[in-house]
Amino acid sequence: MTEPTTQYGYGNAVENRAGEFAGWHHWNHDPYETRSGPFFMRREDDGSYLSAFRAEQRHMNGAGFMHGGCLMTFADFALFAIATDELDGGNAVTMNLSGDFLGAAGPGALIEARGEVTRGGGKTIFVRGLITADGKPALSFTGIIRRIAKL
């Protein structure tokens, strides 16, 4: 039996069928994101996209807080989720990603990302967003996505 897929951003996303994120989607073609997260996304009633995951001990740094690299990896995932409609199933890469760390996240925190496309329509898509940990700001980010042809 094949898993149900939905067109999200670049490529197909697989619906998660169990646990806290049942009914959410994730990309199954990015091994790094899968090992890092997995990270999930869903379309909200207002048409925007919400990305989320639950912080685990393996996401923490030596001080016991979420590793900055994990937050930036999640921000990169969220860029593409936020730009899903603008990408319209096309391929793209991250040209630029920058973030400002605003607060800490610990094990068990619900990590969420929301944002908006600030400029699109051509080969370059500009996105900004905010990651929260249990509803408190953890990272603000901006990114630039560049459409590319399939190899």
N, C-alpha and C. Protein backbone atom coordinates (compact mmCIF):
# COMPACT_ATOMS: atom_id res chain seq x y z
N MET A 1 0.84 -1.17 0.00
CA MET A 1 0.00 0.00 0.00
C MET A 1 0.89 1.25 0.00
N THR A 2 0.63 2.17 -0.89
CA THR A 2 1.43 3.39 -0.97
C THR A 2 0.90 4.42 0.02
N GLU A 3 1.81 5.26 0.48
CA GLU A 3 1.43 6.31 1.41
C GLU A 3 0.77 7.45 0.64
N PRO A 4 -0.25 8.10 1.22
CA PRO A 4 -0.86 9.23 0.53
C PRO A 4 0.12 10.39 0.45
N THR A 5 0.17 11.04 -0.69
CA THR A 5 1.06 12.18 -0.85
C THR A 5 0.25 13.41 -1.23
N THR A 6 0.78 14.53 -0.92
CA THR A 6 0.17 15.82 -1.24
C THR A 6 1.26 16.70 -1.80
N GLN A 7 0.93 17.51 -2.79
CA GLN A 7 1.91 18.42 -3.36
C GLN A 7 2.18 19.55 -2.36
N TYR A 8 3.39 19.63 -1.87
CA TYR A 8 3.81 20.70 -0.96
C TYR A 8 5.14 21.22 -1.46
N GLY A 9 5.22 22.50 -1.77
CA GLY A 9 6.49 23.11 -2.13
C GLY A 9 7.16 22.38 -3.26
N TYR A 10 8.32 21.86 -2.98
CA TYR A 10 9.05 21.12 -4.00
C TYR A 10 8.89 19.64 -3.71
N GLY A 11 8.25 18.94 -4.61
CA GLY A 11 8.08 17.50 -4.44
C GLY A 11 6.86 17.14 -3.62
N ASN A 12 6.64 15.86 -3.47
CA ASN A 12 5.49 15.37 -2.74
C ASN A 12 5.79 15.21 -1.26
N ALA A 13 4.80 15.45 -0.46
CA ALA A 13 4.90 15.26 0.98
C ALA A 13 4.05 14.06 1.37
N VAL A 14 4.51 13.34 2.36
CA VAL A 14 3.82 12.15 2.84
C VAL A 14 3.03 12.52 4.08
N GLU A 15 1.82 12.00 4.18
CA GLU A 15 1.00 12.24 5.35
C GLU A 15 1.46 11.35 6.49
N ASN A 16 1.68 11.95 7.64
CA ASN A 16 2.02 11.19 8.84
C ASN A 16 0.73 10.60 9.40
N ARG A 17 0.74 9.34 9.76
CA ARG A 17 -0.50 8.67 10.16
C ARG A 17 -0.60 8.34 11.64
N ALA A 18 0.43 8.65 12.43
CA ALA A 18 0.39 8.25 13.83
C ALA A 18 1.00 9.32 14.72
N GLY A 19 0.66 9.25 15.99
CA GLY A 19 1.29 10.11 16.98
C GLY A 19 0.75 11.52 16.99
N GLU A 20 1.48 12.36 17.67
CA GLU A 20 1.09 13.76 17.86
C GLU A 20 0.84 14.50 16.56
N PHE A 21 1.58 14.15 15.51
CA PHE A 21 1.47 14.87 14.25
C PHE A 21 0.72 14.07 13.18
N ALA A 22 -0.19 13.22 13.60
CA ALA A 22 -1.04 12.49 12.65
C ALA A 22 -1.85 13.50 11.84
N GLY A 23 -1.87 13.30 10.53
CA GLY A 23 -2.58 14.20 9.64
C GLY A 23 -1.72 15.33 9.11
N TRP A 24 -0.54 15.53 9.68
CA TRP A 24 0.41 16.52 9.17
C TRP A 24 1.22 15.85 8.06
N HIS A 25 2.00 16.63 7.34
CA HIS A 25 2.80 16.11 6.24
C HIS A 25 4.29 16.39 6.47
N HIS A 26 5.11 15.57 5.82
CA HIS A 26 6.56 15.77 5.83
C HIS A 26 7.12 15.32 4.50
N TRP A 27 8.24 15.93 4.12
CA TRP A 27 8.91 15.49 2.90
C TRP A 27 9.70 14.23 3.22
N ASN A 28 9.63 13.26 2.35
CA ASN A 28 10.36 12.01 2.58
C ASN A 28 11.56 11.86 1.66
N HIS A 29 11.97 12.94 1.01
CA HIS A 29 13.09 12.85 0.07
C HIS A 29 14.32 13.61 0.56
N ASP A 30 14.32 14.04 1.82
CA ASP A 30 15.46 14.77 2.35
C ASP A 30 15.98 14.04 3.59
N PRO A 31 16.97 13.18 3.43
CA PRO A 31 17.44 12.36 4.55
C PRO A 31 17.95 13.20 5.73
N TYR A 32 18.56 14.34 5.46
CA TYR A 32 19.08 15.16 6.55
C TYR A 32 17.94 15.70 7.41
N GLU A 33 16.91 16.25 6.77
CA GLU A 33 15.77 16.75 7.53
C GLU A 33 15.06 15.64 8.28
N THR A 34 14.95 14.48 7.69
CA THR A 34 14.29 13.36 8.36
C THR A 34 15.05 12.97 9.61
N ARG A 35 16.38 12.88 9.52
CA ARG A 35 17.19 12.55 10.70
C ARG A 35 17.19 13.68 11.72
N SER A 36 17.17 14.91 11.25
CA SER A 36 17.20 16.05 12.16
C SER A 36 15.88 16.23 12.89
N GLY A 37 14.79 15.98 12.24
CA GLY A 37 13.45 16.16 12.82
C GLY A 37 12.90 14.84 13.35
N PRO A 38 11.99 14.25 12.63
CA PRO A 38 11.43 14.80 11.40
C PRO A 38 10.59 16.04 11.70
N PHE A 39 10.48 16.90 10.68
CA PHE A 39 9.71 18.13 10.78
C PHE A 39 8.40 17.94 10.01
N PHE A 40 7.35 18.57 10.49
CA PHE A 40 6.03 18.39 9.91
C PHE A 40 5.44 19.73 9.51
N MET A 41 4.45 19.69 8.60
CA MET A 41 3.76 20.90 8.15
C MET A 41 2.30 20.58 7.86
N ARG A 42 1.49 21.63 7.95
CA ARG A 42 0.09 21.51 7.56
C ARG A 42 -0.40 22.88 7.12
N ARG A 43 -1.45 22.84 6.30
CA ARG A 43 -2.10 24.08 5.86
C ARG A 43 -3.12 24.47 6.92
N GLU A 44 -3.10 25.74 7.30
CA GLU A 44 -4.04 26.27 8.27
C GLU A 44 -5.31 26.73 7.57
N ASP A 45 -6.35 26.99 8.34
CA ASP A 45 -7.63 27.43 7.77
C ASP A 45 -7.51 28.72 6.97
N ASP A 46 -6.57 29.59 7.34
CA ASP A 46 -6.40 30.86 6.63
C ASP A 46 -5.55 30.72 5.37
N GLY A 47 -5.11 29.49 5.06
CA GLY A 47 -4.31 29.23 3.86
C GLY A 47 -2.81 29.26 4.09
N SER A 48 -2.37 29.71 5.24
CA SER A 48 -0.95 29.74 5.55
C SER A 48 -0.47 28.35 5.94
N TYR A 49 0.84 28.21 6.10
CA TYR A 49 1.41 26.92 6.47
C TYR A 49 2.07 27.02 7.84
N LEU A 50 1.82 26.02 8.65
CA LEU A 50 2.42 25.88 9.97
C LEU A 50 3.36 24.69 9.93
N SER A 51 4.56 24.87 10.44
CA SER A 51 5.53 23.78 10.56
C SER A 51 5.76 23.53 12.04
N ALA A 52 6.05 22.28 12.41
CA ALA A 52 6.22 21.98 13.83
C ALA A 52 7.00 20.68 14.03
N PHE A 53 7.56 20.55 15.24
CA PHE A 53 8.11 19.30 15.72
C PHE A 53 8.22 19.39 17.23
N ARG A 54 8.40 18.27 17.87
CA ARG A 54 8.55 18.21 19.32
C ARG A 54 10.03 18.08 19.65
N ALA A 55 10.55 18.98 20.49
CA ALA A 55 11.96 18.96 20.86
C ALA A 55 12.28 17.72 21.69
N GLU A 56 13.36 17.05 21.32
CA GLU A 56 13.82 15.87 22.04
C GLU A 56 15.22 16.13 22.58
N GLN A 57 15.66 15.27 23.45
CA GLN A 57 17.00 15.40 24.03
C GLN A 57 18.07 15.46 22.95
N ARG A 58 17.89 14.73 21.87
CA ARG A 58 18.88 14.70 20.80
C ARG A 58 19.00 16.03 20.06
N HIS A 59 18.07 16.95 20.27
CA HIS A 59 18.11 18.27 19.64
C HIS A 59 18.84 19.30 20.49
N MET A 60 19.29 18.90 21.68
CA MET A 60 19.86 19.84 22.63
C MET A 60 21.37 19.99 22.47
N ASN A 61 21.88 21.12 22.95
CA ASN A 61 23.32 21.35 22.97
C ASN A 61 23.88 20.92 24.33
N GLY A 62 25.15 21.16 24.56
CA GLY A 62 25.80 20.75 25.80
C GLY A 62 25.25 21.43 27.04
N ALA A 63 24.61 22.59 26.88
CA ALA A 63 24.03 23.30 28.03
C ALA A 63 22.60 22.86 28.33
N GLY A 64 22.06 21.96 27.49
CA GLY A 64 20.71 21.46 27.72
C GLY A 64 19.61 22.22 27.01
N PHE A 65 19.99 23.18 26.14
CA PHE A 65 19.02 23.93 25.36
C PHE A 65 19.10 23.50 23.90
N MET A 66 18.05 23.81 23.12
CA MET A 66 18.04 23.41 21.73
C MET A 66 19.25 23.99 21.01
N HIS A 67 19.92 23.15 20.26
CA HIS A 67 21.09 23.54 19.48
C HIS A 67 20.67 24.53 18.40
N GLY A 68 21.45 25.60 18.24
CA GLY A 68 21.15 26.60 17.22
C GLY A 68 21.11 26.02 15.82
N GLY A 69 21.94 25.03 15.57
CA GLY A 69 21.93 24.39 14.25
C GLY A 69 20.63 23.67 13.98
N CYS A 70 20.02 23.12 15.02
CA CYS A 70 18.73 22.46 14.86
C CYS A 70 17.66 23.49 14.52
N LEU A 71 17.67 24.63 15.22
CA LEU A 71 16.70 25.68 14.91
C LEU A 71 16.87 26.20 13.49
N MET A 72 18.11 26.35 13.04
CA MET A 72 18.35 26.84 11.68
C MET A 72 17.94 25.79 10.63
N THR A 73 18.16 24.52 10.94
CA THR A 73 17.71 23.46 10.03
C THR A 73 16.20 23.49 9.91
N PHE A 74 15.52 23.65 11.04
CA PHE A 74 14.06 23.74 11.03
C PHE A 74 13.61 25.00 10.28
N ALA A 75 14.32 26.11 10.45
CA ALA A 75 13.98 27.34 9.71
C ALA A 75 14.08 27.10 8.21
N ASP A 76 15.10 26.36 7.78
CA ASP A 76 15.26 26.05 6.36
C ASP A 76 14.09 25.21 5.86
N PHE A 77 13.67 24.23 6.65
CA PHE A 77 12.48 23.45 6.31
C PHE A 77 11.27 24.37 6.18
N ALA A 78 11.09 25.24 7.18
CA ALA A 78 9.93 26.13 7.21
C ALA A 78 9.90 27.09 6.02
N LEU A 79 11.08 27.53 5.54
CA LEU A 79 11.13 28.39 4.34
C LEU A 79 10.32 27.78 3.21
N PHE A 80 10.56 26.51 2.97
CA PHE A 80 9.91 25.84 1.85
C PHE A 80 8.44 25.55 2.13
N ALA A 81 8.11 25.26 3.38
CA ALA A 81 6.70 25.07 3.73
C ALA A 81 5.93 26.38 3.54
N ILE A 82 6.49 27.48 4.03
CA ILE A 82 5.85 28.79 3.91
C ILE A 82 5.67 29.17 2.45
N ALA A 83 6.63 28.82 1.61
CA ALA A 83 6.59 29.19 0.19
C ALA A 83 5.91 28.14 -0.69
N THR A 84 5.23 27.20 -0.11
CA THR A 84 4.61 26.10 -0.86
C THR A 84 3.80 26.58 -2.06
N ASP A 85 2.88 27.50 -1.85
CA ASP A 85 2.03 27.94 -2.95
C ASP A 85 2.83 28.68 -4.02
N GLU A 86 3.78 29.47 -3.59
CA GLU A 86 4.62 30.21 -4.53
C GLU A 86 5.47 29.26 -5.36
N LEU A 87 5.96 28.19 -4.76
CA LEU A 87 6.80 27.22 -5.47
C LEU A 87 5.99 26.39 -6.46
N ASP A 88 4.73 26.13 -6.13
CA ASP A 88 3.83 25.42 -7.03
C ASP A 88 4.42 24.11 -7.55
N GLY A 89 5.07 23.37 -6.66
CA GLY A 89 5.61 22.06 -7.03
C GLY A 89 6.96 22.08 -7.69
N GLY A 90 7.53 23.26 -7.92
CA GLY A 90 8.82 23.36 -8.59
C GLY A 90 9.99 23.09 -7.66
N ASN A 91 11.14 22.89 -8.25
CA ASN A 91 12.37 22.68 -7.49
C ASN A 91 13.00 24.01 -7.14
N ALA A 92 13.65 24.04 -5.97
CA ALA A 92 14.30 25.27 -5.52
C ALA A 92 15.38 24.92 -4.51
N VAL A 93 16.26 25.89 -4.27
CA VAL A 93 17.31 25.75 -3.26
C VAL A 93 17.33 27.01 -2.40
N THR A 94 17.91 26.89 -1.23
CA THR A 94 18.08 28.02 -0.35
C THR A 94 19.29 28.82 -0.81
N MET A 95 19.08 30.09 -1.11
CA MET A 95 20.18 30.98 -1.48
C MET A 95 20.76 31.66 -0.26
N ASN A 96 19.89 32.00 0.67
CA ASN A 96 20.33 32.70 1.87
C ASN A 96 19.37 32.35 3.00
N LEU A 97 19.94 32.21 4.19
CA LEU A 97 19.12 31.99 5.39
C LEU A 97 19.83 32.67 6.53
N SER A 98 19.13 33.56 7.21
CA SER A 98 19.71 34.21 8.38
C SER A 98 18.70 34.20 9.51
N GLY A 99 19.22 34.17 10.72
CA GLY A 99 18.33 34.11 11.87
C GLY A 99 18.87 34.90 13.04
N ASP A 100 17.94 35.33 13.87
CA ASP A 100 18.26 36.00 15.13
C ASP A 100 17.69 35.16 16.25
N PHE A 101 18.55 34.69 17.13
CA PHE A 101 18.12 33.85 18.25
C PHE A 101 17.49 34.74 19.32
N LEU A 102 16.28 34.40 19.72
CA LEU A 102 15.50 35.24 20.62
C LEU A 102 15.25 34.62 21.98
N GLY A 103 15.32 33.30 22.08
CA GLY A 103 15.04 32.63 23.34
C GLY A 103 15.41 31.17 23.26
N ALA A 104 15.45 30.53 24.41
CA ALA A 104 15.86 29.13 24.49
C ALA A 104 14.66 28.20 24.41
N ALA A 105 14.95 26.97 24.03
CA ALA A 105 13.94 25.90 24.01
C ALA A 105 14.56 24.69 24.68
N GLY A 106 13.76 24.00 25.45
CA GLY A 106 14.24 22.81 26.14
C GLY A 106 13.55 21.55 25.65
N PRO A 107 13.98 20.41 26.16
CA PRO A 107 13.37 19.14 25.78
C PRO A 107 11.87 19.16 26.08
N GLY A 108 11.09 18.63 25.16
CA GLY A 108 9.64 18.54 25.33
C GLY A 108 8.89 19.72 24.77
N ALA A 109 9.59 20.80 24.41
CA ALA A 109 8.91 22.00 23.89
C ALA A 109 8.29 21.72 22.52
N LEU A 110 7.14 22.32 22.27
CA LEU A 110 6.54 22.28 20.94
C LEU A 110 7.16 23.42 20.15
N ILE A 111 7.87 23.08 19.08
CA ILE A 111 8.56 24.05 18.24
C ILE A 111 7.70 24.27 17.00
N GLU A 112 7.33 25.52 16.75
CA GLU A 112 6.47 25.85 15.61
C GLU A 112 7.07 26.99 14.81
N ALA A 113 6.78 27.02 13.51
CA ALA A 113 7.23 28.09 12.63
C ALA A 113 6.07 28.56 11.77
N ARG A 114 5.94 29.88 11.70
CA ARG A 114 4.96 30.53 10.84
C ARG A 114 5.68 31.65 10.10
N GLY A 115 5.13 32.04 8.97
CA GLY A 115 5.75 33.14 8.25
C GLY A 115 4.98 33.53 7.03
N GLU A 116 5.66 34.29 6.17
CA GLU A 116 5.01 34.77 4.96
C GLU A 116 6.03 34.96 3.85
N VAL A 117 5.55 34.87 2.64
CA VAL A 117 6.35 35.23 1.47
C VAL A 117 6.24 36.75 1.35
N THR A 118 7.38 37.43 1.39
CA THR A 118 7.35 38.88 1.28
C THR A 118 7.50 39.35 -0.15
N ARG A 119 8.06 38.50 -0.99
CA ARG A 119 8.17 38.81 -2.42
C ARG A 119 8.37 37.51 -3.18
N GLY A 120 7.63 37.35 -4.26
CA GLY A 120 7.74 36.16 -5.08
C GLY A 120 7.43 36.53 -6.52
N GLY A 121 7.00 35.53 -7.25
CA GLY A 121 6.57 35.78 -8.62
C GLY A 121 7.60 35.51 -9.69
N GLY A 122 8.86 35.46 -9.34
CA GLY A 122 9.90 35.18 -10.31
C GLY A 122 10.72 33.98 -9.89
N LYS A 123 12.00 34.00 -10.22
CA LYS A 123 12.88 32.90 -9.85
C LYS A 123 13.31 32.98 -8.39
N THR A 124 13.17 34.16 -7.78
CA THR A 124 13.63 34.36 -6.42
C THR A 124 12.44 34.65 -5.51
N ILE A 125 12.40 33.95 -4.38
CA ILE A 125 11.30 34.07 -3.42
C ILE A 125 11.89 34.49 -2.07
N PHE A 126 11.34 35.53 -1.50
CA PHE A 126 11.79 36.04 -0.21
C PHE A 126 10.77 35.67 0.86
N VAL A 127 11.29 35.16 1.98
CA VAL A 127 10.42 34.65 3.05
C VAL A 127 10.92 35.20 4.39
N ARG A 128 9.99 35.46 5.30
CA ARG A 128 10.36 35.77 6.68
C ARG A 128 9.46 34.97 7.60
N GLY A 129 10.00 34.64 8.78
CA GLY A 129 9.21 33.83 9.69
C GLY A 129 9.67 33.93 11.12
N LEU A 130 8.92 33.28 11.98
CA LEU A 130 9.21 33.25 13.40
C LEU A 130 9.03 31.83 13.91
N ILE A 131 10.02 31.35 14.63
CA ILE A 131 9.94 30.05 15.31
C ILE A 131 9.68 30.32 16.78
N THR A 132 8.73 29.57 17.33
CA THR A 132 8.42 29.68 18.75
C THR A 132 8.64 28.34 19.43
N ALA A 133 8.91 28.41 20.73
CA ALA A 133 9.04 27.23 21.58
C ALA A 133 7.98 27.36 22.67
N ASP A 134 6.99 26.49 22.64
CA ASP A 134 5.85 26.58 23.55
C ASP A 134 5.24 27.98 23.52
N GLY A 135 5.16 28.56 22.33
CA GLY A 135 4.52 29.85 22.13
C GLY A 135 5.40 31.06 22.37
N LYS A 136 6.62 30.87 22.83
CA LYS A 136 7.53 31.99 23.10
C LYS A 136 8.55 32.10 21.97
N PRO A 137 8.85 33.33 21.51
CA PRO A 137 9.80 33.49 20.40
C PRO A 137 11.16 32.84 20.69
N ALA A 138 11.64 32.08 19.72
CA ALA A 138 12.94 31.42 19.83
C ALA A 138 13.90 31.86 18.72
N LEU A 139 13.39 32.10 17.51
CA LEU A 139 14.23 32.48 16.38
C LEU A 139 13.39 33.23 15.35
N SER A 140 13.83 34.40 14.96
CA SER A 140 13.24 35.06 13.79
C SER A 140 14.19 34.78 12.63
N PHE A 141 13.63 34.58 11.44
CA PHE A 141 14.47 34.24 10.30
C PHE A 141 13.97 34.88 9.02
N THR A 142 14.91 35.08 8.11
CA THR A 142 14.59 35.50 6.75
C THR A 142 15.38 34.58 5.81
N GLY A 143 14.82 34.37 4.66
CA GLY A 143 15.51 33.51 3.70
C GLY A 143 15.15 33.87 2.28
N ILE A 144 16.01 33.45 1.38
CA ILE A 144 15.79 33.62 -0.05
C ILE A 144 15.87 32.26 -0.70
N ILE A 145 14.87 31.93 -1.47
CA ILE A 145 14.78 30.66 -2.19
C ILE A 145 14.93 30.95 -3.69
N ARG A 146 15.69 30.13 -4.36
CA ARG A 146 15.89 30.31 -5.82
C ARG A 146 15.33 29.08 -6.54
N ARG A 147 14.42 29.34 -7.47
CA ARG A 147 13.90 28.24 -8.29
C ARG A 147 15.03 27.70 -9.18
N ILE A 148 15.03 26.39 -9.38
CA ILE A 148 16.02 25.77 -10.26
C ILE A 148 15.32 24.75 -11.15
N ALA A 149 15.96 24.46 -12.27
CA ALA A 149 15.45 23.42 -13.16
C ALA A 149 15.82 22.06 -12.58
N LYS A 150 15.01 21.07 -12.88
CA LYS A 150 15.32 19.71 -12.44
C LYS A 150 16.57 19.22 -13.14
N LEU A 151 17.38 18.48 -12.39
CA LEU A 151 18.60 17.92 -12.98
C LEU A 151 18.28 16.67 -13.75
